[in-house]
């Protein structure tokens, strides 16, 4: 037992006492937050992970030595306080605190640990630079908002475990040290000491292992899985992340979707008290792109894309005609009622914005009360202008924004991003709404011009649609996958597919991806060999836990939902990882250190 505690045992967390505890002796422990010395009265805001309790040291009712000790308390001192819970004086209640009706009248005090002045304030309205917050992450995590987020993360994981267990899933751990199977993001490699010159890889996902579990007869698997990808970071991406991972046997797409709709309904009810109506809507990938320019559309607002290629093909406007001659399209967004809200300067800003997505520019048609303004009207007939307005359902006060490009992916990506940007600028997003949907029928393959080959849109284990298998050799770009993503408010929160369970079809898929027979068997032979011994139809899904927590807690920074995150260059500011190691360790691994010369 700690000499400091000397038999003291906490009776309550700071925010745990209630009306029934008034008049009782309590023993609370925590950190000193706010403190005020009013001479004969000292007030301390005692804080732990549940909240804050106001502690009062009254010189007239307390031992003199205890009162003198209380005078020495400063912010972030760690305290143990005995006292009597009492109602606050009338008019002194704090409705913003869970414990705002009561206070602890202290009788005894132990200072368990002193603290230097912290480099950041332990409060929510913090303006410290993120780099400082991450360097002193253990202090940042004391802030109530950060503790609230991590409590919610725990609750989400708890709901997942309970729901999937209730539905017959077994939680099974898969290996962290795996075989490197590079396809997609780079692997993190781990050198083997006992196998010189050989390496393990940290898993990018448990994909092959969970498929092998299906072959092993465990027909419903789930895992809270740690995954690793050695790729360039973005604001919403980390080198290590967590998935709620699952797989099922003897199922088709509808079976996987049904189980997971039940999970989402339970999750949002228990975390946000939000009722989800089932079944969720489903939107084929092609329709999602045509209407919203995105495979993860935000359905909380309209601003749908309209294709006007057929109307403007004879317009004589070179921007449009060259795009159509190159096999592309001309599409628009009608920003309803925004003609008076978007100035010429705003339109110029939006023009630069779409260029980020490789669009060459932005054409526009503004239908103001004083008359139409248009950057290309002289190239159009009255009939063409009327047809565009009709297609766009345009009225006076609207402004139509056009993108044209020979590459349809540029048109979709730029207008899809513009759609979101307009919604933010025009305040069209109802933050109280939650819009969920499934996006289905993804393309199986896409052409990678850099590698001069087809690559898998999801991963190489996804099964093609039965009707499209014959297209693998003749029109691979037209093959649809038995793949599905679940989208929440414009964010993909999970994705999965029905898997290939035939070694022959799996070999054909690797061949389409440019693998030789030898390469395919060298990398994935263990899986294709397993298919020979009785493989059930199977499929699954994985949720990005970090993304889920972000959306449920309405947090914009993924680093805020991870206890100890990395920064943009995959380093840890708190521990200074990655770091150098002793030469002796490198010698044991048969590794020679090489430092590239700086330019």
Foldseek 3Di string as FASTA:
>chain_A
DDPLCVPPDFPDEALPDDPVQAFPKGKYKAWWADWDCPPQKIWTFGDDLVFTAIEIEGNVPEDVVQVVVVVPDDGGFIKIFIFGKHADDPPQFDPVGSNRGIHGHTHHMTRPGHDDDDPFHQEDPGPDDVLSCLQVVVSPCSRNLLSVLQVLLVVLVVLLVVLLVVVQADEDDDDQFADDQDAPFDWDWAFDLVDFPDITTGAQDCVLVQLVVLLVVRFKYWYFDKHAGDDFDDQQDFRIFTKGWMKGFPDALVVQLVSVVVSVQSSCCVQVVDGDDDDAAEAAQVRCLQFQLDLFDQPQFHQTKFFLLVLCCQLPPCLSVVLVVLQATKIKTKPALCLVVQDPVNQVVLQVQLVVLVFPGKWKWAQEPVGIDTPRVVSDDPVSVVVVCVRNVDDRNIMMIMTGHNDHNSRSNSRNVSSVVSCVSVVSGDLVDKHKYKHFFAQQWDADPVVRAIGGPVHLFWAWDPVCLVCVPPPSRPITTQKMFMHISRHTFKIKHWGDLALVVSCSSVVRRVDDPVSCCVSPVVSNVSSVPDRGGMMIMMGRSLVVSCSSSVHDGSVSSDSFGADSNNARSNVRPPDDDDVVVCVSNVHDDDDDDDD
